[in-house]
Amino acid sequence: MDRREFFQAGAAAGLVGLAGPRWLEAEQAVAPDTTLYLNWNENPMGLSPKVRKAAQEALSRANRYPDLSRAELASIVAEQHGVRLENVVLGCGSTQILRSIVAAHAEEGNSLVLAEPTFEAMVQYQRPFGYEVQRVPLDKRFAHDIARMKQAVGQGSAVVYICNPNNPTATLTPSSEIDAWIQEAPASVVFVIDEAYHEYVEDSSYLTAAKWVSERSGVVVTRTFSKIYAMAGLRLGYALAHEKTARRLRKFMSVDNANGVAVAAARASLQDGDLIPASRRVNSAAKTIAVSCLDELGIEYLPSHANFLMHRVPGDLKTYIQRMREKGLRVGRPFPPMLGFNRLSLGLPAEMERWAATLRSFRASGWV
């Protein structure tokens, strides 16, 4: 058995043991001519069998408004995080929550302070409100430069956005540094801690910021069901916030913003003990294939704590992306100012082998 067969067999065996053979058979097969979407940081395994069943059953109740099921989901979320029901805000994906945060804190003279590069939604959503946007480059660790972000905030009021792990770099900012800033910051600073990829992190030093929401009104933690729970197409996320802040955010949210099918799938996801271990195991196998290929070719990459990674692209980035596209692989887009790197979403192990083979062919052609 060669290296590629070993990784594929190992991932398959682990997934069968954790989630049953039906999930494996349904989600692991990859036809040679299939377009591979390695660009949106989605979970390539799809919904787990338990979640798929719950979503299908919810269709029989699609004629009913989801108020009761939304409340039940919020209660489950609150219990899992050790907070009160009043601290939970559901959204149509976590991006709707980010939009409500921007709208709720749009006051004259307020600034938006965030890393560069990072997830772009906050910048997009602030445009109608005219925030002063202050972008702070990542530091040498490709982590948020907390010291420079503090300087950017100064003594004024600000919304500070911290994506941890960061998108698009998949790197971590030490939780201790974030906690220290939150501890000393004045009430005029609102911290938005985006933990979209929280469930993928296996670094023991990484901690959620959810512990702050009960005692500090200026901390909002956002989570999503789009990533490890494989519900990107169903659009559901939530925020954990102080009761006062949660009430403020709800004023900027649409009524019944979480549909019944999504809510049913989310409840099943949170109660499916196999889902996260199986997804982590397959993600780890896919990551091993990717970094092994990059090591083999001597191509630099950043340490990844999520389901994607950033690797350097020798040569022109846009040309690389187009050539991959011609081979049936979608591999991301430019993220200024890191225009020498590509963000690669991790697919199934078999998909990553196809990507690796394609990259090796590019090396043989002298393109990378």
Protein backbone atom coordinates (compact mmCIF):
# COMPACT_ATOMS: atom_id res chain seq x y z
CA MET A 1 0.00 0.00 0.00
CA ASP A 2 1.52 3.35 -1.03
CA ARG A 3 1.21 6.63 0.88
CA ARG A 4 -1.91 7.81 -0.92
CA GLU A 5 -3.72 4.51 -0.41
CA PHE A 6 -2.69 4.55 3.24
CA PHE A 7 -4.24 7.97 3.90
CA GLN A 8 -7.42 7.11 2.02
CA ALA A 9 -7.80 3.77 3.76
CA GLY A 10 -7.09 5.29 7.18
CA ALA A 11 -9.66 8.04 6.73
CA ALA A 12 -12.23 5.57 5.42
CA ALA A 13 -11.73 3.12 8.28
CA GLY A 14 -12.01 5.88 10.87
CA LEU A 15 -15.12 7.30 9.32
CA VAL A 16 -16.84 3.93 9.12
CA GLY A 17 -16.07 3.31 12.77
CA LEU A 18 -17.40 6.69 13.86
CA ALA A 19 -20.38 7.29 11.65
CA GLY A 20 -21.32 4.05 9.91
CA PRO A 21 -20.69 2.86 6.35
CA ARG A 22 -23.70 4.60 4.76
CA TRP A 23 -22.28 8.09 5.41
CA LEU A 24 -18.94 6.94 4.00
CA GLU A 25 -20.43 5.48 0.85
CA ALA A 26 -22.63 8.50 0.23
CA GLU A 27 -19.97 11.15 0.66
CA GLN A 28 -16.59 9.62 -0.21
CA ALA A 29 -17.03 8.61 -3.84
CA VAL A 30 -15.44 11.13 -6.24
CA ALA A 31 -15.89 10.76 -9.99
CA PRO A 32 -12.81 11.75 -12.05
CA ASP A 33 -14.68 14.42 -13.99
CA THR A 34 -16.42 15.96 -10.97
CA THR A 35 -15.74 19.63 -10.31
CA LEU A 36 -14.15 19.90 -6.87
CA TYR A 37 -15.11 22.88 -4.75
CA LEU A 38 -12.07 23.50 -2.59
CA ASN A 39 -12.81 27.19 -2.17
CA TRP A 40 -15.65 27.86 0.31
CA ASN A 41 -14.46 26.07 3.48
CA GLU A 42 -17.44 23.72 3.49
CA ASN A 43 -17.60 20.31 5.13
CA PRO A 44 -17.33 17.94 2.12
CA MET A 45 -18.94 15.05 4.03
CA GLY A 46 -22.35 16.66 3.91
CA LEU A 47 -25.09 16.14 6.50
CA SER A 48 -24.67 13.14 8.77
CA PRO A 49 -27.34 10.42 8.44
CA LYS A 50 -29.04 11.51 11.67
CA VAL A 51 -29.13 15.13 10.58
CA ARG A 52 -30.33 14.28 7.09
CA LYS A 53 -33.20 12.27 8.58
CA ALA A 54 -34.18 15.10 10.91
CA ALA A 55 -34.19 17.61 8.03
CA GLN A 56 -36.34 15.34 5.88
CA GLU A 57 -38.82 14.79 8.69
CA ALA A 58 -39.04 18.56 9.25
CA LEU A 59 -40.35 18.99 5.71
CA SER A 60 -43.65 17.47 6.84
CA ARG A 61 -44.00 20.48 9.17
CA ALA A 62 -42.91 23.09 6.64
CA ASN A 63 -46.41 24.60 6.60
CA ARG A 64 -45.96 25.68 10.22
CA TYR A 65 -44.01 28.65 11.55
CA PRO A 66 -40.83 27.61 13.42
CA ASP A 67 -41.31 29.65 16.61
CA LEU A 68 -41.48 26.73 19.03
CA SER A 69 -38.62 24.78 17.41
CA ARG A 70 -36.46 27.94 17.35
CA ALA A 71 -36.99 28.39 21.08
CA GLU A 72 -36.12 24.75 21.72
CA LEU A 73 -32.90 25.06 19.70
CA ALA A 74 -31.92 28.25 21.53
CA SER A 75 -32.42 26.42 24.83
CA ILE A 76 -30.14 23.59 23.73
CA VAL A 77 -27.47 26.08 22.64
CA ALA A 78 -27.73 27.92 25.95
CA GLU A 79 -27.39 24.70 27.92
CA GLN A 80 -24.35 23.56 25.94
CA HIS A 81 -22.58 26.87 26.54
CA GLY A 82 -23.62 27.25 30.15
CA VAL A 83 -25.46 30.53 29.55
CA ARG A 84 -29.08 31.65 29.88
CA LEU A 85 -31.62 31.51 27.09
CA GLU A 86 -31.60 35.32 27.05
CA ASN A 87 -27.94 35.21 25.98
CA VAL A 88 -28.66 33.38 22.69
CA VAL A 89 -29.56 35.06 19.41
CA LEU A 90 -30.30 32.95 16.32
CA GLY A 91 -29.53 34.21 12.84
CA CYS A 92 -29.81 33.28 9.19
CA GLY A 93 -26.19 32.19 9.21
CA SER A 94 -23.71 33.96 11.47
CA THR A 95 -23.34 36.62 8.76
CA GLN A 96 -26.81 37.98 9.54
CA ILE A 97 -25.69 38.36 13.12
CA LEU A 98 -22.56 40.22 12.01
CA ARG A 99 -24.78 42.55 10.00
CA SER A 100 -27.03 43.19 13.01
CA ILE A 101 -23.99 43.98 15.17
CA VAL A 102 -22.82 46.59 12.68
CA ALA A 103 -26.30 48.15 12.46
CA ALA A 104 -26.86 48.10 16.22
CA HIS A 105 -23.62 49.96 16.97
CA ALA A 106 -23.64 52.45 14.10
CA GLU A 107 -23.02 55.63 16.06
CA GLU A 108 -21.32 58.81 14.94
CA GLY A 109 -17.57 58.58 15.33
CA ASN A 110 -17.55 54.83 15.79
CA SER A 111 -14.77 52.90 14.09
CA LEU A 112 -14.46 49.31 12.92
CA VAL A 113 -11.10 47.78 13.73
CA LEU A 114 -10.14 44.46 12.20
CA ALA A 115 -7.23 42.47 10.84
CA GLU A 116 -5.97 42.40 7.27
CA PRO A 117 -6.66 39.95 5.79
CA THR A 118 -9.70 38.56 7.57
CA PHE A 119 -13.31 37.59 6.80
CA GLU A 120 -14.78 40.46 4.77
CA ALA A 121 -18.43 40.51 5.92
CA MET A 122 -18.04 43.22 8.56
CA VAL A 123 -16.48 45.62 6.06
CA GLN A 124 -19.22 44.94 3.55
CA TYR A 125 -22.02 45.43 6.07
CA GLN A 126 -20.69 48.68 7.52
CA ARG A 127 -20.76 50.57 4.22
CA PRO A 128 -24.28 52.06 4.56
CA PHE A 129 -23.36 53.31 8.06
CA GLY A 130 -20.05 54.99 7.34
CA TYR A 131 -17.81 53.51 10.00
CA GLU A 132 -14.20 54.59 9.99
CA VAL A 133 -12.57 51.29 8.98
CA GLN A 134 -9.11 50.65 10.40
CA ARG A 135 -7.31 47.61 9.04
CA VAL A 136 -4.39 46.26 11.02
CA PRO A 137 -2.01 43.81 9.28
CA LEU A 138 -1.52 40.41 10.88
CA ASP A 139 1.70 40.08 12.84
CA LYS A 140 4.68 37.87 12.02
CA ARG A 141 2.83 34.84 13.42
CA PHE A 142 -0.08 35.59 11.05
CA ALA A 143 -2.09 36.23 14.21
CA HIS A 144 -4.08 39.35 15.08
CA ASP A 145 -1.68 42.09 16.15
CA ILE A 146 -3.43 42.91 19.41
CA ALA A 147 -1.01 45.69 20.39
CA ARG A 148 -1.52 47.56 17.11
CA MET A 149 -5.27 46.98 17.19
CA LYS A 150 -5.35 48.57 20.65
CA GLN A 151 -3.53 51.59 19.24
CA ALA A 152 -6.04 51.82 16.40
CA VAL A 153 -8.92 51.88 18.89
CA GLY A 154 -7.28 54.53 21.05
CA GLN A 155 -9.62 56.18 23.55
CA GLY A 156 -12.65 56.27 21.28
CA SER A 157 -15.57 53.94 20.71
CA ALA A 158 -15.06 51.03 18.35
CA VAL A 159 -16.32 47.69 17.15
CA VAL A 160 -13.39 45.26 17.14
CA TYR A 161 -13.73 42.17 14.97
CA ILE A 162 -11.53 39.17 15.75
CA CYS A 163 -11.92 35.99 13.69
CA ASN A 164 -10.28 33.15 15.59
CA PRO A 165 -9.19 30.91 13.91
CA ASN A 166 -8.74 33.57 11.30
CA ASN A 167 -10.19 33.30 7.83
CA PRO A 168 -8.42 33.12 5.35
CA THR A 169 -5.18 32.16 7.14
CA ALA A 170 -6.50 29.38 9.46
CA THR A 171 -4.10 30.66 12.11
CA LEU A 172 -4.79 31.20 15.81
CA THR A 173 -4.49 34.32 17.92
CA PRO A 174 -3.62 33.31 21.50
CA SER A 175 -6.76 33.31 23.63
CA SER A 176 -4.78 34.78 26.51
CA GLU A 177 -4.01 37.91 24.46
CA ILE A 178 -7.64 38.39 23.51
CA ASP A 179 -8.80 37.82 27.09
CA ALA A 180 -6.28 40.32 28.46
CA TRP A 181 -7.54 43.02 26.10
CA ILE A 182 -11.20 42.32 26.88
CA GLN A 183 -10.41 42.48 30.59
CA GLU A 184 -8.90 45.96 30.41
CA ALA A 185 -10.99 47.53 27.62
CA PRO A 186 -13.49 50.31 28.39
CA ALA A 187 -17.21 49.83 27.85
CA SER A 188 -17.01 51.88 24.64
CA VAL A 189 -15.25 48.97 22.88
CA VAL A 190 -17.43 46.16 21.49
CA PHE A 191 -15.62 42.91 20.75
CA VAL A 192 -17.00 40.59 18.07
CA ILE A 193 -15.27 37.22 18.37
CA ASP A 194 -16.06 35.11 15.32
CA GLU A 195 -15.60 31.43 16.18
CA ALA A 196 -16.92 29.93 12.93
CA TYR A 197 -14.17 27.29 12.92
CA HIS A 198 -14.07 26.67 16.67
CA GLU A 199 -14.97 22.98 16.44
CA TYR A 200 -11.97 22.20 14.21
CA VAL A 201 -9.38 23.52 16.68
CA GLU A 202 -7.47 20.88 18.64
CA ASP A 203 -4.89 23.19 20.25
CA SER A 204 -5.40 22.96 24.01
CA SER A 205 -4.40 26.61 24.53
CA TYR A 206 -7.32 27.80 22.42
CA LEU A 207 -10.38 28.80 24.43
CA THR A 208 -13.75 30.18 23.46
CA ALA A 209 -14.57 33.76 24.44
CA ALA A 210 -18.07 32.69 25.51
CA LYS A 211 -17.09 33.01 29.17
CA TRP A 212 -17.27 36.80 28.85
CA VAL A 213 -20.82 37.23 27.62
CA SER A 214 -22.57 36.91 30.98
CA GLU A 215 -20.48 39.59 32.66
CA ARG A 216 -19.47 42.03 29.91
CA SER A 217 -22.02 43.62 27.58
CA GLY A 218 -19.31 44.52 25.07
CA VAL A 219 -18.52 40.94 23.98
CA VAL A 220 -20.43 39.07 21.27
CA VAL A 221 -19.35 35.56 20.23
CA THR A 222 -20.65 34.25 16.91
CA ARG A 223 -20.89 30.63 15.81
CA THR A 224 -22.22 28.97 12.67
CA PHE A 225 -23.69 25.66 11.56
CA SER A 226 -22.19 26.22 8.08
CA LYS A 227 -18.76 24.71 8.71
CA ILE A 228 -18.21 21.50 10.68
CA TYR A 229 -21.97 20.84 10.81
CA ALA A 230 -22.12 20.95 6.98
CA MET A 231 -25.19 23.21 6.87
CA ALA A 232 -23.85 26.05 4.69
CA GLY A 233 -26.86 25.80 2.36
CA LEU A 234 -29.40 25.87 5.20
CA ARG A 235 -28.17 29.18 6.66
CA LEU A 236 -28.16 29.09 10.44
CA GLY A 237 -25.89 30.61 13.05
CA TYR A 238 -26.09 32.11 16.51
CA ALA A 239 -24.59 34.67 18.81
CA LEU A 240 -23.80 34.49 22.51
CA ALA A 241 -24.12 37.89 24.10
CA HIS A 242 -24.97 39.69 27.32
CA GLU A 243 -28.74 39.89 27.83
CA LYS A 244 -28.74 43.66 27.24
CA THR A 245 -26.72 43.32 24.05
CA ALA A 246 -28.80 40.37 22.83
CA ARG A 247 -31.98 42.48 23.15
CA ARG A 248 -30.31 45.22 21.13
CA LEU A 249 -29.26 42.84 18.38
CA ARG A 250 -32.72 41.32 18.06
CA LYS A 251 -34.09 44.74 17.09
CA PHE A 252 -32.07 44.48 13.89
CA MET A 253 -32.93 40.86 13.07
CA SER A 254 -35.78 39.69 10.89
CA VAL A 255 -38.63 37.78 12.52
CA ASP A 256 -38.58 33.98 12.04
CA ASN A 257 -35.10 34.23 10.55
CA ALA A 258 -34.28 30.54 11.12
CA ASN A 259 -36.35 28.18 9.00
CA GLY A 260 -37.84 24.99 10.40
CA VAL A 261 -35.71 22.59 8.36
CA ALA A 262 -32.50 24.33 9.39
CA VAL A 263 -33.54 24.34 13.03
CA ALA A 264 -34.34 20.62 12.94
CA ALA A 265 -30.99 19.87 11.31
CA ALA A 266 -29.15 22.01 13.86
CA ARG A 267 -30.79 20.26 16.80
CA ALA A 268 -29.85 16.87 15.36
CA SER A 269 -26.30 18.10 14.71
CA LEU A 270 -25.79 19.19 18.30
CA GLN A 271 -27.10 15.83 19.53
CA ASP A 272 -25.10 13.69 17.08
CA GLY A 273 -22.05 12.60 19.04
CA ASP A 274 -20.40 11.08 15.95
CA LEU A 275 -20.50 14.18 13.75
CA ILE A 276 -17.63 16.28 15.08
CA PRO A 277 -15.15 13.40 15.68
CA ALA A 278 -15.81 12.00 12.19
CA SER A 279 -15.46 15.40 10.53
CA ARG A 280 -12.25 16.12 12.40
CA ARG A 281 -10.78 12.75 11.46
CA VAL A 282 -11.52 13.18 7.75
CA ASN A 283 -10.31 16.78 7.85
CA SER A 284 -7.06 15.67 9.48
CA ALA A 285 -6.49 13.00 6.83
CA ALA A 286 -7.18 15.52 4.06
CA LYS A 287 -4.82 18.05 5.65
CA THR A 288 -2.07 15.45 5.91
CA ILE A 289 -2.33 14.72 2.18
CA ALA A 290 -2.19 18.43 1.35
CA VAL A 291 0.76 19.33 3.54
CA SER A 292 2.68 16.20 2.51
CA CYS A 293 2.40 17.31 -1.11
CA LEU A 294 3.41 20.87 -0.26
CA ASP A 295 6.40 19.58 1.74
CA GLU A 296 7.38 17.33 -1.13
CA LEU A 297 7.38 20.29 -3.53
CA GLY A 298 9.01 22.68 -1.07
CA ILE A 299 6.03 25.06 -1.06
CA GLU A 300 5.48 27.18 2.05
CA TYR A 301 2.19 26.98 3.94
CA LEU A 302 0.81 28.38 7.19
CA PRO A 303 -0.12 26.18 10.16
CA SER A 304 -3.83 25.38 9.88
CA HIS A 305 -6.31 25.10 12.74
CA ALA A 306 -9.38 24.85 10.53
CA ASN A 307 -10.69 23.03 7.46
CA PHE A 308 -8.57 25.05 5.04
CA LEU A 309 -4.99 26.23 4.73
CA MET A 310 -3.00 29.02 3.09
CA HIS A 311 -0.09 28.04 0.90
CA ARG A 312 2.29 30.10 -1.14
CA VAL A 313 1.87 30.10 -4.92
CA PRO A 314 5.09 30.44 -6.88
CA GLY A 315 4.18 32.56 -9.89
CA ASP A 316 1.02 34.53 -10.63
CA LEU A 317 -1.89 33.74 -8.30
CA LYS A 318 -4.70 34.46 -10.76
CA THR A 319 -3.02 32.28 -13.39
CA TYR A 320 -2.71 29.46 -10.85
CA ILE A 321 -6.39 29.72 -9.89
CA GLN A 322 -7.43 29.69 -13.56
CA ARG A 323 -5.25 26.68 -14.38
CA MET A 324 -6.73 24.77 -11.44
CA ARG A 325 -10.20 25.74 -12.63
CA GLU A 326 -9.43 24.33 -16.08
CA LYS A 327 -8.61 21.04 -14.34
CA GLY A 328 -11.96 21.05 -12.57
CA LEU A 329 -10.69 22.35 -9.21
CA ARG A 330 -11.97 25.55 -7.60
CA VAL A 331 -9.26 26.65 -5.19
CA GLY A 332 -10.13 30.02 -3.78
CA ARG A 333 -9.68 33.66 -4.65
CA PRO A 334 -7.19 36.45 -3.94
CA PHE A 335 -7.07 37.81 -0.38
CA PRO A 336 -5.18 41.12 -0.41
CA PRO A 337 -2.57 41.85 0.72
CA MET A 338 -1.50 38.16 0.75
CA LEU A 339 -1.47 37.92 -3.03
CA GLY A 340 1.34 35.37 -3.02
CA PHE A 341 -0.82 32.83 -1.18
CA ASN A 342 -3.88 30.74 -2.02
CA ARG A 343 -6.55 29.62 0.44
CA LEU A 344 -7.24 25.93 -0.12
CA SER A 345 -10.35 24.37 1.42
CA LEU A 346 -9.84 20.78 2.53
CA GLY A 347 -12.08 18.27 0.77
CA LEU A 348 -12.36 14.52 1.16
CA PRO A 349 -9.05 12.60 1.15
CA ALA A 350 -9.73 11.37 -2.39
CA GLU A 351 -10.35 14.96 -3.49
CA MET A 352 -7.09 16.11 -1.94
CA GLU A 353 -5.21 13.36 -3.74
CA ARG A 354 -6.59 14.71 -7.01
CA TRP A 355 -5.54 18.23 -6.04
CA ALA A 356 -2.06 16.97 -5.10
CA ALA A 357 -1.68 15.13 -8.40
CA THR A 358 -2.70 18.28 -10.25
CA LEU A 359 -0.20 20.38 -8.30
CA ARG A 360 2.54 17.88 -9.08
CA SER A 361 1.66 18.12 -12.77
CA PHE A 362 1.97 21.91 -12.51
CA ARG A 363 5.47 21.46 -11.06
CA ALA A 364 6.35 19.12 -13.93
CA SER A 365 5.20 21.85 -16.34
CA GLY A 366 7.31 24.45 -14.54
CA TRP A 367 4.26 26.46 -13.41
CA VAL A 368 4.85 26.28 -9.65
